[in-house]
């Protein structure tokens, strides 16, 4: 009788583990499908608005994060530099930009 009880307990445990694995795989697959659907919807939305869908470059994020941290650290440790007079103005030269092709409506 004890053998039958341990056999049933181990079979139930194995069945429970298999169910957890199957449900985990189904959940993972549903997350992947949801991500693909979201990417497809956003790409179609960008194309309908006349814009090119962009692909994220995660290496670029790491590079800019490093330069951002490095710049902030240097800015805090380097001091303020030379102070300008309160009335000093730096002037820039204005140039006209040609209108963008295919976009006739002004943004705003």
Foldseek 3Di string as FASTA:
>chain_A
DVVVVVVVVVVVVVVVVVVVVVVVVVVVVVVVVVVVVVLVVVQVVCVVVPHHDDDDDVVVVVVVVVVVVVVVVCVVPVDDPDDDDPPDDDDDDDDDDDDDPPDPDDDD
